[in-house]
């Protein structure tokens, strides 16, 4: 099943959402608070979660949301295979956005083109 994973991250937490279809609302799967550790160690932990999530579906896309320096750290730590599934980035902190707001985000909708959902 085609899924799109959406990671919204800042320096305090990361939220992992999934969209299972173009008309489906994003669903919050997990919120990961940052413990008292270095940012790169926290990102490494979250990247492990992303790697597992993206490996669950036969075809998964990934959208990363956050400020530039956060996005750069995530992209740097992703494996080559998961980095290849990145279909877009949104240079905006959406950690406080609801699943409904994530689903209705104009920026997200431009990243989710209909051909990405074709089987």
C-alpha atoms as a PDB file:
ATOM      1  CA  UNK A   1       0.000   0.000   0.000  1.00  0.00           C
ATOM      2  CA  UNK A   2       1.283   3.465  -0.882  1.00  0.00           C
ATOM      3  CA  UNK A   3       1.805   5.612   2.190  1.00  0.00           C
ATOM      4  CA  UNK A   4       3.247   9.021   2.716  1.00  0.00           C
ATOM      5  CA  UNK A   5       5.023   9.620   5.982  1.00  0.00           C
ATOM      6  CA  UNK A   6       5.208  13.210   7.192  1.00  0.00           C
ATOM      7  CA  UNK A   7       7.768  14.156   9.813  1.00  0.00           C
ATOM      8  CA  UNK A   8       7.342  17.510  11.543  1.00  0.00           C
ATOM      9  CA  UNK A   9      10.367  18.344  13.645  1.00  0.00           C
ATOM     10  CA  UNK A  10      11.901  21.111  15.679  1.00  0.00           C
ATOM     11  CA  UNK A  11      14.675  21.132  18.255  1.00  0.00           C
ATOM     12  CA  UNK A  12      12.328  19.905  21.031  1.00  0.00           C
ATOM     13  CA  UNK A  13      10.306  17.104  19.428  1.00  0.00           C
ATOM     14  CA  UNK A  14       9.325  15.242  16.297  1.00  0.00           C
ATOM     15  CA  UNK A  15       5.881  14.141  15.166  1.00  0.00           C
ATOM     16  CA  UNK A  16       5.339  11.302  12.728  1.00  0.00           C
ATOM     17  CA  UNK A  17       2.160  11.402  10.627  1.00  0.00           C
ATOM     18  CA  UNK A  18       0.969   9.045   7.905  1.00  0.00           C
ATOM     19  CA  UNK A  19      -1.355   9.578   4.940  1.00  0.00           C
ATOM     20  CA  UNK A  20      -2.662   6.362   3.416  1.00  0.00           C
ATOM     21  CA  UNK A  21      -4.226   7.938   0.337  1.00  0.00           C
ATOM     22  CA  UNK A  22      -4.578  11.254  -1.449  1.00  0.00           C
ATOM     23  CA  UNK A  23      -7.991  11.958   0.078  1.00  0.00           C
ATOM     24  CA  UNK A  24      -7.180  10.590   3.517  1.00  0.00           C
ATOM     25  CA  UNK A  25      -6.472  12.862   6.453  1.00  0.00           C
ATOM     26  CA  UNK A  26      -3.027  12.697   8.001  1.00  0.00           C
ATOM     27  CA  UNK A  27      -3.004  10.571  11.133  1.00  0.00           C
ATOM     28  CA  UNK A  28      -0.624  11.259  14.006  1.00  0.00           C
ATOM     29  CA  UNK A  29       1.275   8.031  14.704  1.00  0.00           C
ATOM     30  CA  UNK A  30       3.773   9.174  17.255  1.00  0.00           C
ATOM     31  CA  UNK A  31       5.134  12.190  19.105  1.00  0.00           C
ATOM     32  CA  UNK A  32       8.743  11.870  20.168  1.00  0.00           C
ATOM     33  CA  UNK A  33       9.921  14.397  22.759  1.00  0.00           C
ATOM     34  CA  UNK A  34      13.608  15.259  22.837  1.00  0.00           C
ATOM     35  CA  UNK A  35      15.287  14.142  26.041  1.00  0.00           C
ATOM     36  CA  UNK A  36      18.279  16.009  27.401  1.00  0.00           C
ATOM     37  CA  UNK A  37      20.723  14.957  24.703  1.00  0.00           C
ATOM     38  CA  UNK A  38      22.524  16.547  21.790  1.00  0.00           C
ATOM     39  CA  UNK A  39      20.378  17.383  18.761  1.00  0.00           C
ATOM     40  CA  UNK A  40      22.257  15.006  16.456  1.00  0.00           C
ATOM     41  CA  UNK A  41      21.696  12.116  18.906  1.00  0.00           C
ATOM     42  CA  UNK A  42      17.979  12.923  19.060  1.00  0.00           C
ATOM     43  CA  UNK A  43      17.776  13.143  15.269  1.00  0.00           C
ATOM     44  CA  UNK A  44      19.544   9.784  15.026  1.00  0.00           C
ATOM     45  CA  UNK A  45      16.875   8.211  17.246  1.00  0.00           C
ATOM     46  CA  UNK A  46      14.038   9.763  15.213  1.00  0.00           C
ATOM     47  CA  UNK A  47      15.689   8.693  11.946  1.00  0.00           C
ATOM     48  CA  UNK A  48      15.663   5.092  13.213  1.00  0.00           C
ATOM     49  CA  UNK A  49      11.883   5.435  13.719  1.00  0.00           C
ATOM     50  CA  UNK A  50      11.497   6.895  10.219  1.00  0.00           C
ATOM     51  CA  UNK A  51      13.539   4.051   8.718  1.00  0.00           C
ATOM     52  CA  UNK A  52      11.246   1.469  10.347  1.00  0.00           C
ATOM     53  CA  UNK A  53       8.080   3.313   9.265  1.00  0.00           C
ATOM     54  CA  UNK A  54       9.223   3.712   5.667  1.00  0.00           C
ATOM     55  CA  UNK A  55      10.200   0.062   5.556  1.00  0.00           C
ATOM     56  CA  UNK A  56       6.706  -1.120   6.556  1.00  0.00           C
ATOM     57  CA  UNK A  57       5.012  -0.322   3.244  1.00  0.00           C
ATOM     58  CA  UNK A  58       5.967  -1.597  -0.165  1.00  0.00           C
ATOM     59  CA  UNK A  59       6.095   1.959  -1.433  1.00  0.00           C
ATOM     60  CA  UNK A  60       6.501   4.858   0.928  1.00  0.00           C
ATOM     61  CA  UNK A  61       7.058   8.527   0.350  1.00  0.00           C
ATOM     62  CA  UNK A  62       8.500  10.877   2.940  1.00  0.00           C
ATOM     63  CA  UNK A  63       7.951  14.585   3.516  1.00  0.00           C
ATOM     64  CA  UNK A  64      10.090  16.398   6.070  1.00  0.00           C
ATOM     65  CA  UNK A  65       8.864  19.613   7.701  1.00  0.00           C
ATOM     66  CA  UNK A  66      10.982  21.940   9.803  1.00  0.00           C
ATOM     67  CA  UNK A  67      13.404  24.804   9.756  1.00  0.00           C
ATOM     68  CA  UNK A  68      16.401  24.551   7.407  1.00  0.00           C
ATOM     69  CA  UNK A  69      19.019  23.462   9.940  1.00  0.00           C
ATOM     70  CA  UNK A  70      16.702  20.756  11.313  1.00  0.00           C
ATOM     71  CA  UNK A  71      15.879  19.479   7.813  1.00  0.00           C
ATOM     72  CA  UNK A  72      19.566  19.343   6.915  1.00  0.00           C
ATOM     73  CA  UNK A  73      20.345  17.219   9.983  1.00  0.00           C
ATOM     74  CA  UNK A  74      17.545  14.750   9.194  1.00  0.00           C
ATOM     75  CA  UNK A  75      18.482  14.440   5.526  1.00  0.00           C
ATOM     76  CA  UNK A  76      22.146  13.915   6.456  1.00  0.00           C
ATOM     77  CA  UNK A  77      21.283  11.023   8.775  1.00  0.00           C
ATOM     78  CA  UNK A  78      18.765   9.173   6.559  1.00  0.00           C
ATOM     79  CA  UNK A  79      19.919   6.001   4.825  1.00  0.00           C
ATOM     80  CA  UNK A  80      20.323   6.206   1.056  1.00  0.00           C
ATOM     81  CA  UNK A  81      17.193   4.131   0.439  1.00  0.00           C
ATOM     82  CA  UNK A  82      14.971   6.255   2.679  1.00  0.00           C
ATOM     83  CA  UNK A  83      16.592   9.485   1.442  1.00  0.00           C
ATOM     84  CA  UNK A  84      15.513   8.314  -2.025  1.00  0.00           C
ATOM     85  CA  UNK A  85      11.891   8.175  -0.849  1.00  0.00           C
ATOM     86  CA  UNK A  86      11.862  11.868   0.158  1.00  0.00           C
ATOM     87  CA  UNK A  87       9.282  13.461  -2.107  1.00  0.00           C
ATOM     88  CA  UNK A  88       9.520  16.901  -0.570  1.00  0.00           C
ATOM     89  CA  UNK A  89      10.442  19.200   2.247  1.00  0.00           C
ATOM     90  CA  UNK A  90       8.511  22.030   3.836  1.00  0.00           C
ATOM     91  CA  UNK A  91      10.739  24.661   5.404  1.00  0.00           C
ATOM     92  CA  UNK A  92       8.302  25.448   8.170  1.00  0.00           C
ATOM     93  CA  UNK A  93       7.832  24.242  11.733  1.00  0.00           C
ATOM     94  CA  UNK A  94       4.505  22.378  11.733  1.00  0.00           C
ATOM     95  CA  UNK A  95       4.959  20.634  15.108  1.00  0.00           C
ATOM     96  CA  UNK A  96       2.043  22.529  16.626  1.00  0.00           C
ATOM     97  CA  UNK A  97      -0.280  21.859  13.688  1.00  0.00           C
ATOM     98  CA  UNK A  98      -3.179  19.438  14.091  1.00  0.00           C
ATOM     99  CA  UNK A  99      -3.566  16.430  11.784  1.00  0.00           C
ATOM    100  CA  UNK A 100      -6.377  18.352  10.072  1.00  0.00           C
ATOM    101  CA  UNK A 101      -4.139  21.365   9.498  1.00  0.00           C
ATOM    102  CA  UNK A 102      -1.365  19.114   8.188  1.00  0.00           C
ATOM    103  CA  UNK A 103      -3.824  17.495   5.756  1.00  0.00           C
ATOM    104  CA  UNK A 104      -5.121  20.851   4.547  1.00  0.00           C
ATOM    105  CA  UNK A 105      -1.708  22.502   4.251  1.00  0.00           C
ATOM    106  CA  UNK A 106      -1.334  24.033   0.801  1.00  0.00           C
ATOM    107  CA  UNK A 107       2.393  23.312   0.949  1.00  0.00           C
ATOM    108  CA  UNK A 108       1.720  19.645   1.653  1.00  0.00           C
ATOM    109  CA  UNK A 109      -0.875  19.372  -1.104  1.00  0.00           C
ATOM    110  CA  UNK A 110       1.624  20.682  -3.663  1.00  0.00           C
ATOM    111  CA  UNK A 111       4.050  17.943  -2.575  1.00  0.00           C
ATOM    112  CA  UNK A 112       1.416  15.192  -2.969  1.00  0.00           C
ATOM    113  CA  UNK A 113       0.806  15.015  -6.691  1.00  0.00           C
ATOM    114  CA  UNK A 114      -1.814  12.495  -7.901  1.00  0.00           C
ATOM    115  CA  UNK A 115       0.719  10.443  -9.899  1.00  0.00           C
ATOM    116  CA  UNK A 116       2.485   9.576  -6.634  1.00  0.00           C
ATOM    117  CA  UNK A 117      -0.557   7.565  -5.608  1.00  0.00           C
ATOM    118  CA  UNK A 118      -0.815   5.528  -8.814  1.00  0.00           C
ATOM    119  CA  UNK A 119      -0.064   1.835  -8.429  1.00  0.00           C
END
